[in-house]
């Protein structure tokens, strides 16, 4: 669902767990719905970003009274999606040990996150956690595709080919 918005040129501006709803449809498949479009932007617009720390990319500088381009918000949505999927696939215990469990952002967690963002090593750190945890190989591969595309320090390098991720999940019956 978040990527449908991105392809349509809509930046949500506040991708976080509270704004993603999972529902089971009549066929028993899980559907994802994105809610709370208060912070959204349409391609070509500018606005003051209003997202939620720690889920937004650092370049948005949430709380600063400056306008940013829609492309910056859309890029931040990809970053947020990478963080969100990392929290789905990497066990909580491993995120907590590394002070990266963003669902309970303590001062220590925020400090760790800020330091890793500054060093542009957040993605590498999350992949190291995945390697050290009990994550399945298919999930590890999907996580690597997503992290290497979304958690880049340079916003212009955040490009996710969702068709590759979907193909990977459809070709591997062990996903999940």
Protein backbone atom coordinates (compact mmCIF):
# COMPACT_ATOMS: atom_id res chain seq x y z
CA UNK A 1 0.00 0.00 0.00
CA UNK A 2 2.71 2.58 0.77
CA UNK A 3 4.39 1.83 -2.55
CA UNK A 4 1.14 2.30 -4.46
CA UNK A 5 1.04 5.84 -3.07
CA UNK A 6 4.66 6.43 -4.08
CA UNK A 7 4.10 5.24 -7.66
CA UNK A 8 1.08 7.57 -7.88
CA UNK A 9 3.26 10.51 -6.82
CA UNK A 10 1.76 10.81 -3.35
CA UNK A 11 4.02 11.11 -0.33
CA UNK A 12 2.36 10.01 2.91
CA UNK A 13 4.78 11.88 5.15
CA UNK A 14 4.22 9.79 8.28
CA UNK A 15 4.77 6.09 7.54
CA UNK A 16 4.92 4.37 10.93
CA UNK A 17 3.37 1.28 12.55
CA UNK A 18 0.34 3.22 13.84
CA UNK A 19 -0.56 4.23 10.28
CA UNK A 20 -0.42 0.78 8.71
CA UNK A 21 -3.44 -1.47 9.20
CA UNK A 22 -3.37 -5.16 8.34
CA UNK A 23 -6.65 -6.89 7.57
CA UNK A 24 -7.63 -10.29 6.31
CA UNK A 25 -9.78 -10.25 3.18
CA UNK A 26 -12.53 -12.72 2.22
CA UNK A 27 -9.95 -15.00 0.56
CA UNK A 28 -7.92 -15.15 3.78
CA UNK A 29 -5.10 -12.99 2.38
CA UNK A 30 -3.56 -10.20 4.44
CA UNK A 31 -4.20 -6.73 3.04
CA UNK A 32 -2.32 -3.61 4.01
CA UNK A 33 -4.08 -0.25 4.37
CA UNK A 34 -2.38 3.06 4.94
CA UNK A 35 -4.28 5.57 7.09
CA UNK A 36 -3.81 9.15 8.35
CA UNK A 37 -2.99 11.25 5.31
CA UNK A 38 -2.78 14.51 7.28
CA UNK A 39 0.93 14.86 6.42
CA UNK A 40 0.64 13.81 2.76
CA UNK A 41 1.91 15.72 -0.24
CA UNK A 42 1.21 15.35 -3.96
CA UNK A 43 4.03 15.41 -6.48
CA UNK A 44 5.06 18.98 -7.26
CA UNK A 45 3.92 20.41 -3.93
CA UNK A 46 5.99 21.68 -1.03
CA UNK A 47 5.12 21.58 2.65
CA UNK A 48 6.54 21.68 6.14
CA UNK A 49 7.15 18.02 7.10
CA UNK A 50 5.07 16.82 10.06
CA UNK A 51 6.11 13.18 10.43
CA UNK A 52 6.93 11.21 13.55
CA UNK A 53 10.41 10.68 14.95
CA UNK A 54 12.08 8.18 14.79
CA UNK A 55 10.33 6.86 11.68
CA UNK A 56 11.17 9.68 9.25
CA UNK A 57 14.41 10.11 7.37
CA UNK A 58 16.85 12.51 9.04
CA UNK A 59 16.94 14.96 6.11
CA UNK A 60 13.33 16.01 6.80
CA UNK A 61 14.39 17.61 10.10
CA UNK A 62 10.94 17.19 11.67
CA UNK A 63 10.04 20.21 13.77
CA UNK A 64 12.00 22.70 11.66
CA UNK A 65 9.83 25.41 10.08
CA UNK A 66 10.99 24.96 6.49
CA UNK A 67 9.27 23.70 3.38
CA UNK A 68 10.53 20.60 1.61
CA UNK A 69 9.74 19.25 -1.84
CA UNK A 70 7.34 16.37 -2.39
CA UNK A 71 10.27 14.28 -3.64
CA UNK A 72 11.93 14.65 -0.23
CA UNK A 73 8.82 13.42 1.55
CA UNK A 74 8.41 10.53 -0.90
CA UNK A 75 12.07 9.60 -0.33
CA UNK A 76 11.48 9.74 3.42
CA UNK A 77 8.51 7.39 2.98
CA UNK A 78 10.85 4.82 1.44
CA UNK A 79 13.22 5.26 4.38
CA UNK A 80 10.32 4.82 6.83
CA UNK A 81 9.19 1.72 4.98
CA UNK A 82 12.69 0.23 5.32
CA UNK A 83 12.63 0.85 9.08
CA UNK A 84 9.13 -0.58 9.36
CA UNK A 85 9.93 -3.78 7.46
CA UNK A 86 13.13 -4.19 9.49
CA UNK A 87 10.99 -4.17 12.62
CA UNK A 88 8.70 -6.82 11.14
CA UNK A 89 11.49 -9.21 10.11
CA UNK A 90 14.20 -8.73 12.77
CA UNK A 91 13.29 -10.22 16.15
CA UNK A 92 12.44 -7.67 18.86
CA UNK A 93 15.00 -9.12 21.26
CA UNK A 94 17.81 -8.38 18.77
CA UNK A 95 16.60 -4.83 18.14
CA UNK A 96 16.33 -4.19 21.90
CA UNK A 97 19.88 -5.48 22.53
CA UNK A 98 21.21 -3.11 19.85
CA UNK A 99 19.23 -0.11 21.20
CA UNK A 100 17.28 0.00 17.92
CA UNK A 101 13.77 -1.01 18.98
CA UNK A 102 11.95 2.04 17.62
CA UNK A 103 8.54 1.03 18.96
CA UNK A 104 9.77 2.16 22.37
CA UNK A 105 12.11 5.03 21.50
CA UNK A 106 14.10 5.69 24.67
CA UNK A 107 16.84 8.30 24.84
CA UNK A 108 19.42 5.53 24.27
CA UNK A 109 17.53 4.25 21.20
CA UNK A 110 17.32 7.75 19.73
CA UNK A 111 21.04 8.27 20.39
CA UNK A 112 21.96 5.01 18.69
CA UNK A 113 19.70 5.79 15.73
CA UNK A 114 21.11 9.29 15.30
CA UNK A 115 24.72 8.05 15.46
CA UNK A 116 24.08 5.31 12.88
CA UNK A 117 22.27 7.75 10.59
CA UNK A 118 25.15 10.22 10.83
CA UNK A 119 27.62 7.46 9.90
CA UNK A 120 25.26 6.16 7.18
CA UNK A 121 25.59 2.71 8.73
CA UNK A 122 22.02 2.03 9.90
CA UNK A 123 21.31 -0.39 7.04
CA UNK A 124 24.53 -2.34 7.58
CA UNK A 125 23.82 -2.55 11.31
CA UNK A 126 20.28 -3.86 10.75
CA UNK A 127 21.56 -6.45 8.27
CA UNK A 128 24.18 -7.56 10.81
CA UNK A 129 21.38 -8.03 13.35
CA UNK A 130 19.46 -10.09 10.81
CA UNK A 131 22.53 -12.26 10.18
CA UNK A 132 23.01 -12.85 13.91
CA UNK A 133 19.36 -13.66 14.55
CA UNK A 134 17.21 -16.61 13.67
CA UNK A 135 15.74 -15.01 10.55
CA UNK A 136 15.05 -17.35 7.63
CA UNK A 137 17.17 -17.09 4.50
CA UNK A 138 14.28 -15.94 2.26
CA UNK A 139 13.32 -13.23 4.75
CA UNK A 140 16.99 -12.21 5.08
CA UNK A 141 17.23 -11.85 1.29
CA UNK A 142 14.07 -9.75 1.14
CA UNK A 143 15.27 -7.62 4.03
CA UNK A 144 18.59 -7.02 2.28
CA UNK A 145 16.81 -5.93 -0.93
CA UNK A 146 14.64 -3.50 0.99
CA UNK A 147 17.31 -2.13 3.34
CA UNK A 148 19.90 -1.64 0.60
CA UNK A 149 17.32 0.33 -1.40
CA UNK A 150 15.62 2.38 1.31
CA UNK A 151 17.95 3.12 4.23
CA UNK A 152 20.48 5.09 2.23
CA UNK A 153 21.93 8.29 3.67
CA UNK A 154 21.68 10.01 0.31
CA UNK A 155 17.96 10.48 -0.42
CA UNK A 156 18.55 10.45 -4.19
CA UNK A 157 19.77 6.83 -3.92
CA UNK A 158 16.55 5.55 -2.32
CA UNK A 159 14.94 3.61 -5.14
CA UNK A 160 13.02 0.42 -4.46
CA UNK A 161 12.07 -1.93 -7.27
CA UNK A 162 9.07 -3.44 -5.56
CA UNK A 163 8.53 -5.90 -8.42
CA UNK A 164 11.80 -7.65 -7.45
CA UNK A 165 10.70 -7.93 -3.83
CA UNK A 166 7.27 -9.27 -4.84
CA UNK A 167 8.84 -11.74 -7.26
CA UNK A 168 11.11 -12.95 -4.48
CA UNK A 169 8.18 -13.49 -2.10
CA UNK A 170 6.09 -15.27 -4.74
CA UNK A 171 8.95 -17.53 -5.82
CA UNK A 172 9.68 -18.66 -2.29
CA UNK A 173 6.96 -20.53 -0.43
CA UNK A 174 8.88 -20.21 2.85
CA UNK A 175 8.34 -16.45 3.07
CA UNK A 176 6.75 -15.31 6.32
